Amino acid sequence: MSIQTGQPLPDIEIKSIDEGRIEPARTGALFAGRKAVLFAVPGAFTPTCSEKHLPGYVQHYEAFRTRGIAVYCLAVNDAYVMQAWASAQQVPAGLLLLADGNAGFTRALGLERDGSAYGMGLRARRFALYAEDGVVRQLHVEAPGEFRVSAAEAMLAALAG
């Protein structure tokens, strides 16, 4: 069962990447006392993730920031892959990439998927959520193979409505 609106996000140890630095973090602390959008991609450097999903949030990062909303990108990749991806995608300071190398946070959310058929193993489903003080207020999970409801533009529209 996946996390639902109104439920608190799990508090899990994870690695965050900001301005090229890898730091240990706890999800409870990352979301506490703030408004945040968390979007997840199946994998760093994969086509849709690198060509559309993360670039959309990079492009619209200021629109979230001016609304007082933190933005986090989650993937079941190790911290070094996420660090390299942040550099390759020119991720601005403050937009944190979260490396969930062992999928602990992803599994705790109930939003994992089996990518074994593609040689990827366990991965995150493509989704975006909006949380206030660590409580999910909106959750948008993509159907397999789709990229619509978790895009930066879709989240901005959902938050405006």
N, C-alpha and C. Protein backbone atom coordinates (compact mmCIF):
# COMPACT_ATOMS: atom_id res chain seq x y z
N MET A 1 0.86 -1.18 0.00
CA MET A 1 0.00 0.00 0.00
C MET A 1 0.89 1.23 0.00
N SER A 2 0.61 2.14 -0.90
CA SER A 2 1.44 3.35 -0.97
C SER A 2 0.94 4.41 0.00
N ILE A 3 1.79 5.34 0.29
CA ILE A 3 1.45 6.45 1.16
C ILE A 3 0.25 7.20 0.56
N GLN A 4 -0.55 7.78 1.42
CA GLN A 4 -1.75 8.49 0.99
C GLN A 4 -1.72 9.93 1.50
N THR A 5 -2.56 10.77 0.91
CA THR A 5 -2.66 12.14 1.40
C THR A 5 -3.13 12.10 2.86
N GLY A 6 -2.60 13.03 3.63
CA GLY A 6 -2.90 13.10 5.05
C GLY A 6 -1.96 12.31 5.93
N GLN A 7 -1.13 11.47 5.32
CA GLN A 7 -0.19 10.66 6.09
C GLN A 7 1.18 11.34 6.18
N PRO A 8 1.89 11.12 7.29
CA PRO A 8 3.24 11.68 7.41
C PRO A 8 4.24 10.87 6.57
N LEU A 9 5.22 11.57 6.04
CA LEU A 9 6.30 10.90 5.32
C LEU A 9 7.15 10.12 6.31
N PRO A 10 7.67 8.96 5.90
CA PRO A 10 8.53 8.20 6.80
C PRO A 10 9.86 8.93 7.04
N ASP A 11 10.44 8.69 8.20
CA ASP A 11 11.73 9.29 8.56
C ASP A 11 12.82 8.25 8.33
N ILE A 12 13.54 8.41 7.24
CA ILE A 12 14.54 7.43 6.78
C ILE A 12 15.86 8.15 6.53
N GLU A 13 16.97 7.47 6.80
CA GLU A 13 18.29 8.02 6.46
C GLU A 13 18.49 7.91 4.95
N ILE A 14 19.06 8.98 4.39
CA ILE A 14 19.23 9.09 2.95
C ILE A 14 20.45 9.96 2.69
N LYS A 15 20.89 10.07 1.47
CA LYS A 15 21.98 10.99 1.11
C LYS A 15 21.39 12.12 0.27
N SER A 16 21.79 13.36 0.59
CA SER A 16 21.35 14.50 -0.20
C SER A 16 22.54 15.08 -0.95
N ILE A 17 22.27 15.62 -2.12
CA ILE A 17 23.29 16.24 -2.95
C ILE A 17 22.84 17.67 -3.24
N ASP A 18 23.67 18.62 -2.82
CA ASP A 18 23.40 20.04 -3.06
C ASP A 18 24.73 20.72 -3.34
N GLU A 19 24.79 21.44 -4.44
CA GLU A 19 26.01 22.14 -4.86
C GLU A 19 27.21 21.19 -4.91
N GLY A 20 26.97 19.97 -5.37
CA GLY A 20 28.05 19.01 -5.56
C GLY A 20 28.47 18.27 -4.31
N ARG A 21 27.92 18.61 -3.17
CA ARG A 21 28.29 17.96 -1.91
C ARG A 21 27.31 16.85 -1.56
N ILE A 22 27.85 15.72 -1.13
CA ILE A 22 27.04 14.60 -0.66
C ILE A 22 27.01 14.69 0.86
N GLU A 23 25.81 14.72 1.41
CA GLU A 23 25.64 14.82 2.86
C GLU A 23 24.63 13.78 3.34
N PRO A 24 24.88 13.20 4.51
CA PRO A 24 23.84 12.33 5.09
C PRO A 24 22.68 13.20 5.56
N ALA A 25 21.48 12.69 5.45
CA ALA A 25 20.29 13.44 5.87
C ALA A 25 19.22 12.46 6.32
N ARG A 26 18.26 12.99 7.03
CA ARG A 26 17.07 12.21 7.40
C ARG A 26 15.88 12.89 6.74
N THR A 27 15.02 12.08 6.16
CA THR A 27 13.87 12.65 5.46
C THR A 27 12.99 13.44 6.42
N GLY A 28 12.88 13.00 7.67
CA GLY A 28 12.09 13.74 8.65
C GLY A 28 12.56 15.17 8.79
N ALA A 29 13.87 15.36 8.85
CA ALA A 29 14.45 16.71 8.98
C ALA A 29 14.30 17.51 7.68
N LEU A 30 14.42 16.84 6.54
CA LEU A 30 14.31 17.55 5.26
C LEU A 30 12.92 18.16 5.05
N PHE A 31 11.89 17.48 5.54
CA PHE A 31 10.52 17.93 5.31
C PHE A 31 9.91 18.69 6.49
N ALA A 32 10.54 18.62 7.64
CA ALA A 32 9.98 19.25 8.85
C ALA A 32 9.93 20.77 8.71
N GLY A 33 8.77 21.32 9.05
CA GLY A 33 8.62 22.77 9.11
C GLY A 33 8.66 23.49 7.78
N ARG A 34 8.46 22.79 6.70
CA ARG A 34 8.48 23.46 5.39
C ARG A 34 7.49 22.85 4.43
N LYS A 35 7.23 23.61 3.38
CA LYS A 35 6.45 23.12 2.24
C LYS A 35 7.47 22.56 1.26
N ALA A 36 7.16 21.42 0.68
CA ALA A 36 8.12 20.78 -0.22
C ALA A 36 7.42 19.96 -1.29
N VAL A 37 8.04 19.94 -2.46
CA VAL A 37 7.66 19.04 -3.54
C VAL A 37 8.77 18.00 -3.65
N LEU A 38 8.37 16.75 -3.63
CA LEU A 38 9.29 15.63 -3.85
C LEU A 38 8.83 14.95 -5.13
N PHE A 39 9.74 14.88 -6.10
CA PHE A 39 9.41 14.11 -7.30
C PHE A 39 10.43 13.00 -7.44
N ALA A 40 9.98 11.87 -7.94
CA ALA A 40 10.84 10.71 -8.08
C ALA A 40 10.93 10.29 -9.53
N VAL A 41 12.12 9.84 -9.88
CA VAL A 41 12.39 9.34 -11.22
C VAL A 41 12.87 7.90 -11.12
N PRO A 42 12.62 7.09 -12.15
CA PRO A 42 13.10 5.71 -12.12
C PRO A 42 14.63 5.59 -12.11
N GLY A 43 15.33 6.55 -12.71
CA GLY A 43 16.79 6.45 -12.69
C GLY A 43 17.47 7.66 -13.27
N ALA A 44 18.55 8.05 -12.60
CA ALA A 44 19.41 9.11 -13.12
C ALA A 44 19.96 8.70 -14.48
N PHE A 45 20.11 9.64 -15.36
CA PHE A 45 20.70 9.45 -16.69
C PHE A 45 19.81 8.65 -17.63
N THR A 46 18.59 8.30 -17.24
CA THR A 46 17.69 7.60 -18.15
C THR A 46 17.00 8.65 -19.03
N PRO A 47 16.49 8.27 -20.20
CA PRO A 47 16.03 9.26 -21.17
C PRO A 47 14.97 10.25 -20.68
N THR A 48 13.80 9.79 -20.27
CA THR A 48 12.74 10.73 -19.88
C THR A 48 13.17 11.53 -18.65
N CYS A 49 13.86 10.88 -17.74
CA CYS A 49 14.30 11.55 -16.51
C CYS A 49 15.29 12.67 -16.82
N SER A 50 16.19 12.43 -17.75
CA SER A 50 17.24 13.40 -18.09
C SER A 50 16.81 14.43 -19.13
N GLU A 51 15.85 14.07 -19.97
CA GLU A 51 15.44 14.98 -21.04
C GLU A 51 14.23 15.83 -20.67
N LYS A 52 13.40 15.34 -19.73
CA LYS A 52 12.15 16.04 -19.42
C LYS A 52 11.93 16.28 -17.93
N HIS A 53 12.00 15.21 -17.12
CA HIS A 53 11.54 15.32 -15.74
C HIS A 53 12.40 16.27 -14.91
N LEU A 54 13.66 15.93 -14.70
CA LEU A 54 14.53 16.82 -13.92
C LEU A 54 14.71 18.18 -14.60
N PRO A 55 14.91 18.26 -15.92
CA PRO A 55 15.05 19.58 -16.54
C PRO A 55 13.85 20.49 -16.33
N GLY A 56 12.65 19.93 -16.26
CA GLY A 56 11.46 20.75 -16.00
C GLY A 56 11.52 21.41 -14.63
N TYR A 57 11.97 20.66 -13.64
CA TYR A 57 12.08 21.23 -12.29
C TYR A 57 13.24 22.21 -12.20
N VAL A 58 14.32 21.96 -12.94
CA VAL A 58 15.42 22.93 -12.99
C VAL A 58 14.92 24.23 -13.61
N GLN A 59 14.19 24.11 -14.72
CA GLN A 59 13.66 25.29 -15.42
C GLN A 59 12.69 26.09 -14.55
N HIS A 60 11.86 25.41 -13.78
CA HIS A 60 10.82 26.08 -13.00
C HIS A 60 11.16 26.21 -11.51
N TYR A 61 12.41 25.95 -11.16
CA TYR A 61 12.81 25.96 -9.76
C TYR A 61 12.46 27.28 -9.07
N GLU A 62 12.72 28.38 -9.73
CA GLU A 62 12.44 29.70 -9.13
C GLU A 62 10.96 29.89 -8.84
N ALA A 63 10.10 29.34 -9.68
CA ALA A 63 8.65 29.46 -9.46
C ALA A 63 8.25 28.76 -8.16
N PHE A 64 8.87 27.63 -7.86
CA PHE A 64 8.61 26.95 -6.60
C PHE A 64 9.22 27.74 -5.44
N ARG A 65 10.47 28.15 -5.63
CA ARG A 65 11.19 28.85 -4.56
C ARG A 65 10.49 30.13 -4.14
N THR A 66 9.98 30.89 -5.11
CA THR A 66 9.30 32.15 -4.76
C THR A 66 7.99 31.89 -4.01
N ARG A 67 7.45 30.68 -4.12
CA ARG A 67 6.25 30.30 -3.36
C ARG A 67 6.63 29.70 -2.00
N GLY A 68 7.93 29.68 -1.70
CA GLY A 68 8.39 29.12 -0.44
C GLY A 68 8.38 27.62 -0.38
N ILE A 69 8.49 26.97 -1.54
CA ILE A 69 8.43 25.52 -1.63
C ILE A 69 9.80 24.95 -1.97
N ALA A 70 10.30 24.06 -1.11
CA ALA A 70 11.54 23.35 -1.39
C ALA A 70 11.27 22.28 -2.45
N VAL A 71 12.29 21.94 -3.22
CA VAL A 71 12.14 20.92 -4.27
C VAL A 71 13.22 19.87 -4.08
N TYR A 72 12.78 18.59 -4.06
CA TYR A 72 13.67 17.45 -3.91
C TYR A 72 13.41 16.45 -5.02
N CYS A 73 14.48 15.90 -5.59
CA CYS A 73 14.40 14.87 -6.62
C CYS A 73 14.94 13.57 -6.04
N LEU A 74 14.14 12.53 -6.07
CA LEU A 74 14.49 11.23 -5.50
C LEU A 74 14.74 10.20 -6.60
N ALA A 75 15.77 9.38 -6.41
CA ALA A 75 15.99 8.24 -7.30
C ALA A 75 16.67 7.13 -6.52
N VAL A 76 16.39 5.90 -6.92
CA VAL A 76 17.07 4.75 -6.34
C VAL A 76 18.37 4.58 -7.13
N ASN A 77 19.31 5.44 -6.80
CA ASN A 77 20.67 5.42 -7.34
C ASN A 77 21.60 5.76 -6.19
N ASP A 78 22.87 5.42 -6.33
CA ASP A 78 23.81 5.76 -5.27
C ASP A 78 24.15 7.25 -5.33
N ALA A 79 24.71 7.75 -4.25
CA ALA A 79 24.97 9.18 -4.12
C ALA A 79 25.95 9.70 -5.17
N TYR A 80 26.90 8.87 -5.61
CA TYR A 80 27.88 9.32 -6.59
C TYR A 80 27.25 9.48 -7.98
N VAL A 81 26.33 8.60 -8.30
CA VAL A 81 25.59 8.74 -9.57
C VAL A 81 24.73 10.01 -9.52
N MET A 82 24.06 10.22 -8.40
CA MET A 82 23.22 11.42 -8.27
C MET A 82 24.05 12.70 -8.30
N GLN A 83 25.23 12.65 -7.72
CA GLN A 83 26.15 13.80 -7.75
C GLN A 83 26.56 14.11 -9.19
N ALA A 84 26.91 13.09 -9.95
CA ALA A 84 27.31 13.28 -11.35
C ALA A 84 26.13 13.77 -12.18
N TRP A 85 24.94 13.27 -11.90
CA TRP A 85 23.75 13.68 -12.64
C TRP A 85 23.41 15.14 -12.35
N ALA A 86 23.54 15.54 -11.10
CA ALA A 86 23.29 16.95 -10.73
C ALA A 86 24.23 17.87 -11.49
N SER A 87 25.48 17.47 -11.61
CA SER A 87 26.46 18.27 -12.34
C SER A 87 26.12 18.31 -13.83
N ALA A 88 25.81 17.16 -14.40
CA ALA A 88 25.48 17.09 -15.83
C ALA A 88 24.23 17.88 -16.17
N GLN A 89 23.28 17.94 -15.25
CA GLN A 89 22.00 18.62 -15.48
C GLN A 89 22.02 20.07 -15.00
N GLN A 90 23.14 20.53 -14.46
CA GLN A 90 23.28 21.90 -13.96
C GLN A 90 22.16 22.25 -12.98
N VAL A 91 22.00 21.38 -12.00
CA VAL A 91 20.97 21.56 -10.98
C VAL A 91 21.35 22.76 -10.11
N PRO A 92 20.44 23.71 -9.94
CA PRO A 92 20.77 24.90 -9.15
C PRO A 92 20.90 24.59 -7.66
N ALA A 93 21.66 25.41 -6.97
CA ALA A 93 21.80 25.29 -5.53
C ALA A 93 20.43 25.34 -4.89
N GLY A 94 20.20 24.47 -3.94
CA GLY A 94 18.92 24.45 -3.23
C GLY A 94 17.96 23.40 -3.73
N LEU A 95 18.06 23.00 -4.99
CA LEU A 95 17.24 21.90 -5.50
C LEU A 95 18.01 20.63 -5.15
N LEU A 96 17.58 19.93 -4.13
CA LEU A 96 18.32 18.78 -3.63
C LEU A 96 17.97 17.51 -4.39
N LEU A 97 19.02 16.75 -4.71
CA LEU A 97 18.84 15.41 -5.24
C LEU A 97 19.01 14.46 -4.07
N LEU A 98 18.12 13.50 -3.95
CA LEU A 98 18.14 12.54 -2.85
C LEU A 98 18.46 11.15 -3.39
N ALA A 99 19.58 10.61 -2.92
CA ALA A 99 20.03 9.28 -3.35
C ALA A 99 19.50 8.25 -2.36
N ASP A 100 18.61 7.40 -2.86
CA ASP A 100 17.99 6.34 -2.06
C ASP A 100 18.58 5.01 -2.52
N GLY A 101 19.88 4.86 -2.36
CA GLY A 101 20.64 3.75 -2.93
C GLY A 101 20.08 2.38 -2.65
N ASN A 102 19.56 2.13 -1.47
CA ASN A 102 19.01 0.83 -1.12
C ASN A 102 17.48 0.81 -1.15
N ALA A 103 16.89 1.89 -1.65
CA ALA A 103 15.44 2.02 -1.82
C ALA A 103 14.67 1.98 -0.50
N GLY A 104 15.32 2.31 0.60
CA GLY A 104 14.64 2.29 1.89
C GLY A 104 13.49 3.29 1.98
N PHE A 105 13.72 4.51 1.52
CA PHE A 105 12.68 5.53 1.55
C PHE A 105 11.59 5.20 0.54
N THR A 106 12.00 4.80 -0.64
CA THR A 106 11.04 4.45 -1.70
C THR A 106 10.12 3.32 -1.25
N ARG A 107 10.69 2.28 -0.63
CA ARG A 107 9.87 1.17 -0.14
C ARG A 107 8.97 1.62 1.00
N ALA A 108 9.48 2.48 1.89
CA ALA A 108 8.66 2.97 3.00
C ALA A 108 7.48 3.79 2.49
N LEU A 109 7.64 4.45 1.35
CA LEU A 109 6.54 5.18 0.72
C LEU A 109 5.57 4.24 0.02
N GLY A 110 6.02 3.02 -0.27
CA GLY A 110 5.19 2.07 -1.02
C GLY A 110 5.11 2.43 -2.49
N LEU A 111 6.13 3.13 -2.99
CA LEU A 111 6.10 3.61 -4.37
C LEU A 111 7.25 3.04 -5.20
N GLU A 112 7.62 1.79 -4.89
CA GLU A 112 8.67 1.13 -5.65
C GLU A 112 8.08 0.42 -6.85
N ARG A 113 8.96 0.10 -7.80
CA ARG A 113 8.56 -0.69 -8.97
C ARG A 113 9.69 -1.62 -9.32
N ASP A 114 9.37 -2.71 -9.94
CA ASP A 114 10.37 -3.69 -10.35
C ASP A 114 10.79 -3.38 -11.78
N GLY A 115 12.02 -2.92 -11.93
CA GLY A 115 12.56 -2.63 -13.26
C GLY A 115 13.49 -3.71 -13.76
N SER A 116 13.36 -4.92 -13.21
CA SER A 116 14.25 -6.02 -13.59
C SER A 116 14.18 -6.36 -15.07
N ALA A 117 13.01 -6.20 -15.66
CA ALA A 117 12.86 -6.51 -17.09
C ALA A 117 13.73 -5.60 -17.95
N TYR A 118 14.16 -4.47 -17.39
CA TYR A 118 14.99 -3.52 -18.11
C TYR A 118 16.42 -3.48 -17.56
N GLY A 119 16.75 -4.46 -16.69
CA GLY A 119 18.08 -4.52 -16.11
C GLY A 119 18.33 -3.46 -15.05
N MET A 120 17.25 -2.94 -14.45
CA MET A 120 17.39 -1.85 -13.49
C MET A 120 17.11 -2.25 -12.05
N GLY A 121 16.57 -3.43 -11.81
CA GLY A 121 16.26 -3.84 -10.44
C GLY A 121 15.15 -3.01 -9.84
N LEU A 122 15.15 -2.90 -8.52
CA LEU A 122 14.13 -2.15 -7.81
C LEU A 122 14.35 -0.65 -8.02
N ARG A 123 13.31 0.07 -8.38
CA ARG A 123 13.38 1.51 -8.63
C ARG A 123 12.15 2.20 -8.05
N ALA A 124 12.17 3.52 -8.06
CA ALA A 124 11.00 4.30 -7.66
C ALA A 124 10.05 4.42 -8.84
N ARG A 125 8.78 4.42 -8.54
CA ARG A 125 7.79 4.78 -9.57
C ARG A 125 7.94 6.27 -9.84
N ARG A 126 7.54 6.71 -11.00
CA ARG A 126 7.58 8.14 -11.31
C ARG A 126 6.38 8.80 -10.61
N PHE A 127 6.66 9.75 -9.72
CA PHE A 127 5.61 10.43 -8.99
C PHE A 127 6.08 11.80 -8.54
N ALA A 128 5.13 12.59 -8.06
CA ALA A 128 5.43 13.85 -7.39
C ALA A 128 4.43 13.99 -6.26
N LEU A 129 4.92 14.52 -5.15
CA LEU A 129 4.02 14.80 -4.04
C LEU A 129 4.34 16.16 -3.46
N TYR A 130 3.34 16.72 -2.83
CA TYR A 130 3.49 17.99 -2.12
C TYR A 130 3.22 17.71 -0.65
N ALA A 131 4.14 18.17 0.21
CA ALA A 131 4.00 17.95 1.64
C ALA A 131 4.15 19.26 2.40
N GLU A 132 3.44 19.37 3.48
CA GLU A 132 3.57 20.49 4.41
C GLU A 132 3.96 19.92 5.76
N ASP A 133 5.09 20.37 6.29
CA ASP A 133 5.59 19.91 7.58
C ASP A 133 5.62 18.37 7.65
N GLY A 134 6.04 17.74 6.55
CA GLY A 134 6.19 16.29 6.53
C GLY A 134 4.93 15.49 6.33
N VAL A 135 3.80 16.15 6.06
CA VAL A 135 2.53 15.46 5.83
C VAL A 135 2.14 15.62 4.36
N VAL A 136 1.81 14.52 3.72
CA VAL A 136 1.45 14.55 2.30
C VAL A 136 0.11 15.25 2.12
N ARG A 137 0.10 16.28 1.28
CA ARG A 137 -1.13 17.02 0.97
C ARG A 137 -1.63 16.71 -0.44
N GLN A 138 -0.71 16.40 -1.35
CA GLN A 138 -1.07 16.00 -2.71
C GLN A 138 -0.13 14.87 -3.13
N LEU A 139 -0.65 13.92 -3.89
CA LEU A 139 0.15 12.81 -4.40
C LEU A 139 -0.28 12.54 -5.83
N HIS A 140 0.70 12.55 -6.73
CA HIS A 140 0.44 12.34 -8.16
C HIS A 140 1.38 11.25 -8.65
N VAL A 141 0.83 10.05 -8.88
CA VAL A 141 1.62 8.91 -9.31
C VAL A 141 1.31 8.63 -10.77
N GLU A 142 2.36 8.49 -11.56
CA GLU A 142 2.18 8.23 -12.99
C GLU A 142 1.79 6.78 -13.25
N ALA A 143 0.98 6.58 -14.27
CA ALA A 143 0.71 5.24 -14.78
C ALA A 143 2.00 4.75 -15.45
N PRO A 144 2.21 3.45 -15.52
CA PRO A 144 3.44 2.94 -16.15
C PRO A 144 3.64 3.52 -17.55
N GLY A 145 4.86 3.99 -17.81
CA GLY A 145 5.21 4.52 -19.12
C GLY A 145 4.75 5.94 -19.39
N GLU A 146 4.06 6.56 -18.44
CA GLU A 146 3.57 7.93 -18.67
C GLU A 146 4.42 8.97 -17.97
N PHE A 147 4.32 10.19 -18.46
CA PHE A 147 4.96 11.35 -17.85
C PHE A 147 4.04 12.54 -18.05
N ARG A 148 3.17 12.78 -17.07
CA ARG A 148 2.24 13.89 -17.16
C ARG A 148 2.04 14.54 -15.79
N VAL A 149 1.49 13.79 -14.85
CA VAL A 149 1.04 14.37 -13.58
C VAL A 149 2.17 14.71 -12.62
N SER A 150 3.37 14.20 -12.87
CA SER A 150 4.50 14.49 -11.98
C SER A 150 5.44 15.54 -12.53
N ALA A 151 5.14 16.08 -13.71
CA ALA A 151 5.97 17.12 -14.32
C ALA A 151 5.92 18.40 -13.49
N ALA A 152 6.94 19.21 -13.60
CA ALA A 152 7.00 20.48 -12.86
C ALA A 152 5.81 21.36 -13.20
N GLU A 153 5.45 21.44 -14.45
CA GLU A 153 4.33 22.26 -14.86
C GLU A 153 3.02 21.77 -14.26
N ALA A 154 2.84 20.45 -14.22
CA ALA A 154 1.63 19.87 -13.63
C ALA A 154 1.58 20.14 -12.13
N MET A 155 2.71 20.06 -11.45
CA MET A 155 2.72 20.34 -10.02
C MET A 155 2.44 21.82 -9.74
N LEU A 156 3.00 22.71 -10.53
CA LEU A 156 2.71 24.13 -10.35
C LEU A 156 1.23 24.40 -10.54
N ALA A 157 0.64 23.78 -11.55
CA ALA A 157 -0.80 23.95 -11.80
C ALA A 157 -1.62 23.38 -10.64
N ALA A 158 -1.24 22.21 -10.13
CA ALA A 158 -1.97 21.58 -9.03
C ALA A 158 -1.87 22.44 -7.77
N LEU A 159 -0.75 23.06 -7.54
CA LEU A 159 -0.56 23.90 -6.36
C LEU A 159 -1.29 25.22 -6.48
N ALA A 160 -1.53 25.66 -7.70
CA ALA A 160 -2.24 26.93 -7.93
C ALA A 160 -3.74 26.75 -7.77
N GLY A 161 -4.22 25.52 -7.95
CA GLY A 161 -5.66 25.25 -7.96
C GLY A 161 -6.20 24.95 -6.66
